[in-house]
Structure formats: C-alpha cells, structure tokens
Amino acid sequence: MDRRDFLKASGLFLAAGAILPKAARSMFPSKLKVVDTDNFSLEVITGNSDLAVKLLEDFIKEGNLGTGGFNYSEYPVSDNVMGDLVFVRDNNLIDYTTLTDDTSNELKEIRKKLSLPSMVSNPVRLRLYRNSGKEVKEIIVAQKGKIIKRIAPDNIMEYNFYGKAGKISLDVKNSTARVSEAGCKHKICKQMSSIKKPGDYIICIPNELQFFAE
C-alpha cells in the first residue's frame, strides 16, 4: 500500500482503533488532539507532496486525529501561490504557531520541514478532514479570528467582504456558499470547494477571512 492509499484508508483503520493502541493514545498529551466528535480540517499547500504525505502519515500514526473516520483529498493548484499549513477544528481556525503543546509542536515541525510558508509554483493541495451532520444551519464569517457575520443558509444573496487584499464576494444559494469574486492576487479562496455541509470552510489568508458552515 503506498502512502496515498494509506491516507485514504486510514479513516477506516482509525475507526477500528488499529493504528495506535488506546492506552498509547491516552498517554499522548495535547491540547489540540482531535476527538471522535470533532469536525476538523488539516490542509497543506506545498510543492513537495511526497514529503507532505509522509509527514501526514506519521502525524496520523501518533493518534492526533482521534479514532473516528476522516476523508483525504489531493489535487493540483495552478499558478504561483502561497503555500502553508492550516488547521481548523470545530469551525475555529487554530493558531498552532503560538501554542506549545505536543500536537502544535508537531504541526510546526511539519511546516518547517516543508519550508512553509513560502511561494510555490503549481503546488498540490492535500487535505485531511472530518465532517459530521448533513444540513448547514448557519454560515459563519470571521475575520482576524472574530465573528463578523452569521448568514442563514436559505438566503439567496451575494455578500461582499473586504480585507487588506481587496474585496471577496460570497454567493449563498440553496444552503451552499462559494466565493464568486476575489480581489486577492492568487484567488486560492475562489478555487476552494463550495461550502455544502457542516464542517466545510473557505479561507482567504491575505484578507484574513474565514467562512465556516455549522
């Protein structure tokens, strides 16, 4: 089994508790450790996808993603973009760079080994995530870590938000949301998947804007 197959299958293995014994997991202290009930997303944009996959596999084996199932996705991004590692848990963007617990330190080490953040040409976007629930109850907009707006998902409207890099337009319709216009240079937020279910999110790093679904 190659590393990518391992990541795709790990959700099943973790659900069965087969990667790391429960006793060993309980000895791993971390304020950021994900538990089975958490929605989360760990996303890496990098030019070195093989190394990133190896580091993510090691991160999983340490029990950092709990014992519940999760999903894995990987696809290329065109153009020169800012590569980085982003961790979101239960609709909160976690600033692991300012924390000192074991999991935060591991994330910082992954980031360092991948030489992130840095500009990358035609990188690969890798994502490990877990979404629970089926219906979006609310779309939350946050900027600089503070909630600035709550949107009912059944609204049919385009909302405009502004940051350091310009305007972002969020198109909300039929309980989904997507970025329809982005003033930032590389428009990664526009390329991200639409928000369709709880736990989905869109982030614009230059404008310090985050859109989350609950």
Protein backbone atom coordinates (compact mmCIF):
# COMPACT_ATOMS: atom_id res chain seq x y z
CA MET A 1 0.00 0.00 0.00
CA ASP A 2 1.53 3.35 -0.99
CA ARG A 3 1.28 6.38 1.28
CA ARG A 4 -1.70 7.92 -0.51
CA ASP A 5 -3.63 4.68 -0.25
CA PHE A 6 -2.75 4.63 3.44
CA LEU A 7 -4.25 8.09 3.95
CA LYS A 8 -7.41 7.17 2.07
CA ALA A 9 -7.86 4.00 4.11
CA SER A 10 -6.76 5.39 7.48
CA GLY A 11 -10.21 6.66 8.36
CA LEU A 12 -11.41 3.04 8.48
CA PHE A 13 -8.32 1.89 10.39
CA LEU A 14 -8.64 4.68 12.93
CA ALA A 15 -12.30 3.93 13.45
CA ALA A 16 -11.27 0.39 14.35
CA GLY A 17 -8.51 1.67 16.63
CA ALA A 18 -5.93 -0.38 14.74
CA ILE A 19 -3.17 2.16 14.25
CA LEU A 20 -2.35 3.08 17.81
CA PRO A 21 -3.46 1.23 20.95
CA LYS A 22 -5.90 3.12 23.13
CA ALA A 23 -3.52 3.07 26.08
CA ALA A 24 -0.80 4.65 23.99
CA ARG A 25 -3.16 7.34 22.66
CA SER A 26 -4.22 8.27 26.19
CA MET A 27 -0.57 8.91 27.09
CA PHE A 28 -0.13 11.46 24.29
CA PRO A 29 -0.77 14.90 25.89
CA SER A 30 -2.07 17.58 23.56
CA LYS A 31 -4.49 20.45 23.81
CA LEU A 32 -5.11 20.22 20.08
CA LYS A 33 -5.70 16.49 19.80
CA VAL A 34 -8.88 15.84 17.85
CA VAL A 35 -11.51 13.59 19.43
CA ASP A 36 -14.06 11.46 17.62
CA THR A 37 -16.80 14.11 17.76
CA ASP A 38 -14.70 16.96 16.32
CA ASN A 39 -15.09 18.38 12.85
CA PHE A 40 -11.63 19.28 11.62
CA SER A 41 -9.58 20.05 8.56
CA LEU A 42 -5.81 19.85 8.21
CA GLU A 43 -4.76 21.33 4.89
CA VAL A 44 -1.33 21.67 3.31
CA ILE A 45 -0.45 23.57 0.13
CA THR A 46 3.06 22.52 -0.88
CA GLY A 47 5.38 21.86 -3.79
CA ASN A 48 6.68 18.70 -2.10
CA SER A 49 3.63 16.46 -1.95
CA ASP A 50 5.57 13.22 -1.39
CA LEU A 51 7.22 14.57 1.76
CA ALA A 52 3.92 16.10 2.91
CA VAL A 53 2.15 12.74 2.57
CA LYS A 54 4.89 11.03 4.62
CA LEU A 55 4.68 13.67 7.36
CA LEU A 56 0.87 13.46 7.46
CA GLU A 57 1.04 9.67 7.72
CA ASP A 58 3.39 9.96 10.70
CA PHE A 59 1.09 12.57 12.24
CA ILE A 60 -1.88 10.20 11.95
CA LYS A 61 0.04 7.29 13.48
CA GLU A 62 0.66 9.38 16.58
CA GLY A 63 -3.10 9.40 17.17
CA ASN A 64 -3.51 13.14 16.60
CA LEU A 65 -6.75 12.75 14.65
CA GLY A 66 -8.61 10.65 17.21
CA THR A 67 -10.19 7.30 16.43
CA GLY A 68 -13.04 8.46 14.19
CA GLY A 69 -13.07 8.23 10.42
CA PHE A 70 -11.94 11.06 8.18
CA ASN A 71 -11.53 11.87 4.50
CA TYR A 72 -8.47 12.57 2.37
CA SER A 73 -8.30 14.64 -0.80
CA GLU A 74 -5.46 15.79 -3.02
CA TYR A 75 -5.42 17.89 -6.17
CA PRO A 76 -3.10 20.30 -8.03
CA VAL A 77 -3.34 24.08 -7.87
CA SER A 78 -2.23 26.14 -10.87
CA ASP A 79 -0.13 29.33 -10.74
CA ASN A 80 2.27 30.64 -8.12
CA VAL A 81 0.60 30.63 -4.70
CA MET A 82 1.48 30.98 -1.04
CA GLY A 83 1.97 27.52 0.44
CA ASP A 84 1.18 26.90 4.09
CA LEU A 85 -0.36 24.52 6.65
CA VAL A 86 -3.80 25.39 8.05
CA PHE A 87 -5.59 23.59 10.88
CA VAL A 88 -9.32 24.14 11.59
CA ARG A 89 -11.25 22.42 14.39
CA ASP A 90 -14.99 22.81 15.06
CA ASN A 91 -15.15 25.93 12.88
CA ASN A 92 -12.21 27.58 14.64
CA LEU A 93 -9.01 28.46 12.84
CA ILE A 94 -6.31 27.22 15.23
CA ASP A 95 -3.16 29.35 15.51
CA TYR A 96 -0.92 26.42 16.39
CA THR A 97 2.16 28.62 15.79
CA THR A 98 1.55 30.37 19.12
CA LEU A 99 0.86 27.19 21.14
CA THR A 100 3.38 24.92 22.84
CA ASP A 101 1.50 21.63 23.36
CA ASP A 102 2.82 18.49 21.66
CA THR A 103 0.44 18.50 18.70
CA SER A 104 1.07 22.17 17.96
CA ASN A 105 4.80 21.49 18.05
CA GLU A 106 4.35 18.60 15.60
CA LEU A 107 2.39 20.83 13.23
CA LYS A 108 5.10 23.47 13.46
CA GLU A 109 7.70 20.82 12.70
CA ILE A 110 5.76 19.64 9.63
CA ARG A 111 5.52 23.25 8.49
CA LYS A 112 9.27 23.73 8.99
CA LYS A 113 10.22 20.53 7.12
CA LEU A 114 8.09 21.64 4.17
CA SER A 115 9.69 25.13 4.27
CA LEU A 116 6.32 26.79 4.75
CA PRO A 117 5.02 29.42 4.43
CA SER A 118 6.60 30.14 1.05
CA MET A 119 5.67 30.93 -2.52
CA VAL A 120 5.19 27.72 -4.53
CA SER A 121 4.75 27.22 -8.26
CA ASN A 122 1.92 24.86 -9.26
CA PRO A 123 1.66 23.18 -5.84
CA VAL A 124 -0.51 20.33 -4.61
CA ARG A 125 -3.26 20.85 -2.04
CA LEU A 126 -3.65 17.96 0.45
CA ARG A 127 -6.45 17.84 2.97
CA LEU A 128 -7.45 15.56 5.83
CA TYR A 129 -10.92 16.36 7.17
CA ARG A 130 -13.96 15.12 9.05
CA ASN A 131 -17.48 16.50 8.61
CA SER A 132 -20.40 15.44 10.77
CA GLY A 133 -24.01 16.37 10.24
CA LYS A 134 -25.92 16.71 6.99
CA GLU A 135 -27.64 20.10 6.90
CA VAL A 136 -25.99 23.51 7.11
CA LYS A 137 -27.67 25.51 9.87
CA GLU A 138 -25.57 28.64 9.62
CA ILE A 139 -22.66 30.12 7.68
CA ILE A 140 -20.25 32.00 9.93
CA VAL A 141 -17.90 34.70 8.66
CA ALA A 142 -14.84 35.51 10.74
CA GLN A 143 -12.03 38.00 10.22
CA LYS A 144 -8.84 38.13 12.27
CA GLY A 145 -10.31 35.40 14.49
CA LYS A 146 -13.52 37.30 15.31
CA ILE A 147 -17.02 36.53 14.03
CA ILE A 148 -18.27 39.44 11.92
CA LYS A 149 -21.43 37.95 10.40
CA ARG A 150 -23.81 34.99 10.61
CA ILE A 151 -25.73 34.04 7.46
CA ALA A 152 -28.84 31.86 7.16
CA PRO A 153 -28.08 29.21 4.51
CA ASP A 154 -31.50 29.54 2.86
CA ASN A 155 -30.81 33.16 1.91
CA ILE A 156 -30.23 33.81 -1.78
CA MET A 157 -27.78 36.69 -1.85
CA GLU A 158 -24.25 37.79 -2.65
CA TYR A 159 -22.36 39.17 0.34
CA ASN A 160 -19.30 41.40 -0.01
CA PHE A 161 -16.43 41.48 2.49
CA TYR A 162 -13.21 43.47 2.49
CA GLY A 163 -9.67 42.94 3.74
CA LYS A 164 -6.09 44.00 3.08
CA ALA A 165 -6.06 42.37 -0.36
CA GLY A 166 -9.42 43.69 -1.57
CA LYS A 167 -13.00 42.50 -1.91
CA ILE A 168 -14.39 38.98 -1.60
CA SER A 169 -17.91 38.14 -2.76
CA LEU A 170 -19.63 35.15 -1.16
CA ASP A 171 -22.53 33.75 -3.18
CA VAL A 172 -25.09 31.99 -0.94
CA LYS A 173 -27.86 29.91 -2.51
CA ASN A 174 -29.70 26.65 -1.75
CA SER A 175 -27.78 26.06 1.51
CA THR A 176 -24.42 26.31 -0.27
CA ALA A 177 -21.84 29.07 -0.43
CA ARG A 178 -18.94 29.79 -2.76
CA VAL A 179 -16.54 32.64 -3.44
CA SER A 180 -17.65 34.19 -6.72
CA GLU A 181 -15.17 37.07 -6.79
CA ALA A 182 -11.82 37.57 -5.08
CA GLY A 183 -9.63 40.65 -5.08
CA CYS A 184 -6.60 38.83 -3.65
CA LYS A 185 -3.75 38.09 -6.05
CA HIS A 186 -3.80 34.29 -6.27
CA LYS A 187 -7.51 33.66 -5.63
CA ILE A 188 -6.99 30.39 -3.72
CA CYS A 189 -10.26 31.06 -1.90
CA LYS A 190 -12.10 31.11 -5.23
CA GLN A 191 -10.58 27.76 -6.17
CA MET A 192 -11.62 26.09 -2.91
CA SER A 193 -14.64 23.81 -2.91
CA SER A 194 -18.08 25.25 -2.17
CA ILE A 195 -19.47 25.05 1.35
CA LYS A 196 -22.14 22.34 1.24
CA LYS A 197 -22.29 20.68 4.68
CA PRO A 198 -21.30 21.28 8.31
CA GLY A 199 -17.56 21.49 8.76
CA ASP A 200 -16.86 22.82 5.26
CA TYR A 201 -14.96 26.07 5.10
CA ILE A 202 -13.27 28.59 2.80
CA ILE A 203 -10.26 30.65 3.89
CA CYS A 204 -8.67 33.72 2.32
CA ILE A 205 -5.33 34.16 4.07
CA PRO A 206 -4.42 37.56 2.50
CA ASN A 207 -7.73 39.08 3.65
CA GLU A 208 -7.74 37.20 6.98
CA LEU A 209 -11.28 35.98 6.22
CA GLN A 210 -12.77 32.60 7.07
CA PHE A 211 -16.18 31.21 6.08
CA PHE A 212 -17.42 28.19 8.07
CA ALA A 213 -20.55 26.06 7.94
CA GLU A 214 -22.29 24.79 11.09
